[in-house]
Amino acid sequence: MVGILIAAHGGFAEGLLSAVELIAGEQNQVKTIGLYHGDGIDELEQKIRTAVKELEDGDGVLGFVDILGGSPSNMVMKCMADTKNLKAIAGVSMGMVVQAVMMRDQCGLDELADLCEEAGNQPVVLLHKQYEEMLDDIEMDEI
């Protein structure tokens, strides 16, 4: 099974996993790492390296980070230099992680990364406009 690593600023990674588990149930082979005020970059890199080693069982590890260019993303990329079976996606969303945990038994690392990227490329929806359109449709049906 593909291991999943979520590394982000503050408690975002832990909160994201908690929300995903409400939908998909408790997950094995998933680790979260948060970067907090006062944490050193070397410490973050070591935490990521340790997590990747623990998660890798031969099927690879898919990493998610919050912001491209942030410290978690930079340290994951640094780990890629000497870790073959590590892929990662920046700009993580809940939809991506749900996709990852639901599909990681059915596909390999590369395909899983592609599926999660696709899930992340779904457009944002302005709910207030969606609501207005729904009201307009209801009013048109009544005429």
Protein backbone atom coordinates (compact mmCIF):
# COMPACT_ATOMS: atom_id res chain seq x y z
CA MET A 1 0.00 0.00 0.00
CA VAL A 2 1.27 3.48 -0.85
CA GLY A 3 2.19 5.41 2.28
CA ILE A 4 0.93 8.96 2.70
CA LEU A 5 2.82 11.86 4.25
CA ILE A 6 1.23 15.25 4.87
CA ALA A 7 3.68 18.01 5.84
CA ALA A 8 2.45 21.55 6.40
CA HIS A 9 2.73 24.70 8.47
CA GLY A 10 1.20 24.63 11.95
CA GLY A 11 -1.52 22.10 12.68
CA PHE A 12 -2.88 22.04 9.13
CA ALA A 13 -1.62 18.52 8.36
CA GLU A 14 -3.14 17.02 11.51
CA GLY A 15 -6.44 18.83 10.97
CA LEU A 16 -6.60 17.73 7.36
CA LEU A 17 -6.06 14.09 8.29
CA SER A 18 -8.67 14.35 11.03
CA ALA A 19 -11.22 15.67 8.54
CA VAL A 20 -10.35 12.99 5.97
CA GLU A 21 -10.78 10.26 8.58
CA LEU A 22 -14.32 11.50 9.26
CA ILE A 23 -15.11 10.52 5.66
CA ALA A 24 -12.79 7.57 5.03
CA GLY A 25 -12.30 6.11 8.50
CA GLU A 26 -9.11 5.71 10.49
CA GLN A 27 -6.06 5.34 8.27
CA ASN A 28 -2.89 3.29 8.58
CA GLN A 29 0.38 4.16 6.91
CA VAL A 30 -0.29 7.90 7.07
CA LYS A 31 1.91 10.38 8.90
CA THR A 32 1.53 14.10 9.46
CA ILE A 33 4.24 16.60 10.21
CA GLY A 34 3.63 20.17 11.30
CA LEU A 35 6.16 23.00 11.22
CA TYR A 36 5.73 25.30 14.20
CA HIS A 37 7.39 28.50 15.44
CA GLY A 38 10.82 27.68 16.79
CA ASP A 39 11.21 24.44 14.81
CA GLY A 40 14.50 24.16 12.96
CA ILE A 41 14.76 23.28 9.29
CA ASP A 42 17.21 20.44 10.03
CA GLU A 43 14.73 19.00 12.54
CA LEU A 44 11.94 19.21 9.94
CA GLU A 45 14.10 17.47 7.35
CA GLN A 46 14.91 14.67 9.79
CA LYS A 47 11.23 14.22 10.69
CA ILE A 48 10.35 13.95 6.99
CA ARG A 49 13.17 11.47 6.30
CA THR A 50 12.13 9.32 9.26
CA ALA A 51 8.47 9.39 8.24
CA VAL A 52 9.28 8.42 4.65
CA LYS A 53 11.39 5.47 5.84
CA GLU A 54 8.60 4.30 8.16
CA LEU A 55 5.93 4.65 5.45
CA GLU A 56 7.85 3.00 2.62
CA ASP A 57 6.95 -0.68 2.39
CA GLY A 58 7.91 -1.14 -1.25
CA ASP A 59 4.93 0.61 -2.84
CA GLY A 60 6.26 4.13 -2.38
CA VAL A 61 5.19 7.22 -0.50
CA LEU A 62 2.98 10.04 -1.74
CA GLY A 63 3.67 13.31 0.03
CA PHE A 64 1.39 16.30 0.27
CA VAL A 65 2.55 19.79 1.27
CA ASP A 66 0.61 22.99 1.75
CA ILE A 67 2.56 25.63 -0.19
CA LEU A 68 5.08 25.31 -3.00
CA GLY A 69 8.30 26.97 -1.87
CA GLY A 70 7.50 26.74 1.84
CA SER A 71 9.82 24.91 4.22
CA PRO A 72 7.80 21.66 4.23
CA SER A 73 7.83 21.59 0.43
CA ASN A 74 11.52 22.43 0.25
CA MET A 75 12.44 19.68 2.72
CA VAL A 76 10.30 17.08 0.93
CA MET A 77 12.02 18.02 -2.33
CA LYS A 78 15.39 17.72 -0.64
CA CYS A 79 14.46 14.20 0.48
CA MET A 80 13.54 13.29 -3.11
CA ALA A 81 17.22 13.56 -4.06
CA ASP A 82 18.00 10.27 -2.34
CA THR A 83 14.58 8.60 -2.11
CA LYS A 84 13.42 6.78 -5.23
CA ASN A 85 9.82 5.99 -4.35
CA LEU A 86 8.76 9.42 -3.12
CA LYS A 87 6.36 11.60 -5.12
CA ALA A 88 4.79 14.77 -3.75
CA ILE A 89 2.12 17.33 -4.53
CA ALA A 90 2.05 20.96 -3.36
CA GLY A 91 -1.21 22.78 -2.70
CA VAL A 92 -2.88 19.94 -0.84
CA SER A 93 -6.65 19.89 -0.49
CA MET A 94 -8.99 17.61 1.37
CA GLY A 95 -10.25 16.20 -1.92
CA MET A 96 -6.73 15.12 -2.86
CA VAL A 97 -6.15 13.30 0.41
CA VAL A 98 -9.56 11.61 0.29
CA GLN A 99 -8.70 10.41 -3.21
CA ALA A 100 -5.32 9.16 -1.99
CA VAL A 101 -6.64 7.13 0.93
CA MET A 102 -9.52 5.69 -1.09
CA MET A 103 -7.45 4.66 -4.10
CA ARG A 104 -4.02 3.73 -2.74
CA ASP A 105 -4.89 0.02 -2.58
CA GLN A 106 -5.97 -0.08 -6.22
CA CYS A 107 -3.13 1.66 -8.02
CA GLY A 108 0.57 2.35 -7.93
CA LEU A 109 2.37 5.47 -6.81
CA ASP A 110 2.52 7.21 -10.20
CA GLU A 111 -1.15 6.63 -11.01
CA LEU A 112 -2.16 7.68 -7.48
CA ALA A 113 -0.21 10.93 -7.82
CA ASP A 114 -1.97 11.62 -11.14
CA LEU A 115 -5.41 10.90 -9.64
CA CYS A 116 -4.72 13.21 -6.70
CA GLU A 117 -3.48 15.97 -9.00
CA GLU A 118 -6.71 15.63 -10.99
CA ALA A 119 -8.76 15.86 -7.78
CA GLY A 120 -6.87 19.01 -6.87
CA ASN A 121 -7.56 20.60 -10.23
CA GLN A 122 -11.29 20.78 -9.65
CA PRO A 123 -12.39 24.42 -9.88
CA VAL A 124 -13.40 26.37 -6.81
CA VAL A 125 -17.10 27.14 -6.57
CA LEU A 126 -18.49 30.42 -5.28
CA LEU A 127 -21.33 29.02 -3.20
CA HIS A 128 -23.19 32.31 -3.04
CA LYS A 129 -23.35 32.40 -6.85
CA GLN A 130 -24.36 28.73 -6.96
CA TYR A 131 -27.14 29.51 -4.50
CA GLU A 132 -28.33 32.49 -6.55
CA GLU A 133 -28.40 30.34 -9.69
CA MET A 134 -30.44 27.70 -7.88
CA LEU A 135 -32.94 30.36 -6.76
CA ASP A 136 -33.16 31.72 -10.31
CA ASP A 137 -33.84 28.19 -11.61
CA ILE A 138 -36.60 27.67 -9.04
CA GLU A 139 -38.21 31.01 -9.93
CA MET A 140 -38.07 30.18 -13.67
CA ASP A 141 -39.75 26.81 -13.00
CA GLU A 142 -42.60 28.58 -11.18
CA ILE A 143 -43.32 30.92 -14.10
